[in-house]
Amino acid sequence: MNVHVKKVLLLLANGFEMYEASVFIDVIGWNYVSGDRLTQLYSCGLTKEINTAFKQKVIVDYTVDEIVVDEFDAIAIPGGFEEYDFYIDAYNDEFVGLIRKFHEQNKLVVSICTGAIPIAKSGILAGKNRTTYKLSPKNQGRLREMGVNVVNKPIVEDSNIIKSWNPSTAMDVAFLLLERLTTQENSLYIKEIMGFKL
């Protein structure tokens, strides 16, 4: 029997927030080791070395130009800090173009906090309800300027796009991604064995 392993691409911009990236790494990784074992995660950026917010350095698995979208099932985009040049990558044509390609192929597109900005920049959120960092009128304004109907809800989900408003929602989004890739039962099991109360 040919079993399909679901592959998640973690798309990282310079200045990304490490915590928001780590939730995807951990949840998908825990599932690979202790769950249905049918998920794997790979990282990607415009360059092989990416600086996080607060100046740690990360080496990614792939650069954007190496990605074959057909090989993946979902793309996850953590938010980041303007002070650490997040919007330079987040507004880059190749960066947003990759997000657009995932959407065009009906792949899951998932983000946390300001990760909504490059998704909106790709054009796929125009006219849709979405959320971003709720304590930043500036970031909410950025979304509105791109034609997004900004709503103040922790998580907004429809069709293949999942978006949340700040780091406090990060784990919930990662578990929701796992649920969409596998099953609700499997996601709840991983949540339980990771020590989160149901």
Foldseek 3Di string as FASTA:
>chain_A
DDDAAAEEEEEEAAQFAPLLSVLLVVLQVLCCVPFPVRYDYFYEYQDQWHAYNVGDIDGGPYYLVPDDLVSHQEYEYEHGDVVRVRVVRLLDPSSLVSLVVCVVVQGAYEYEALSVLSVLSNVPQAPEEAEHAPVDPPSVVSSVVSRHNYDPDQWDDDRRYIYGYHSVCSNVRSLVVVCVVPNVVRSVVSCVVVPHDD
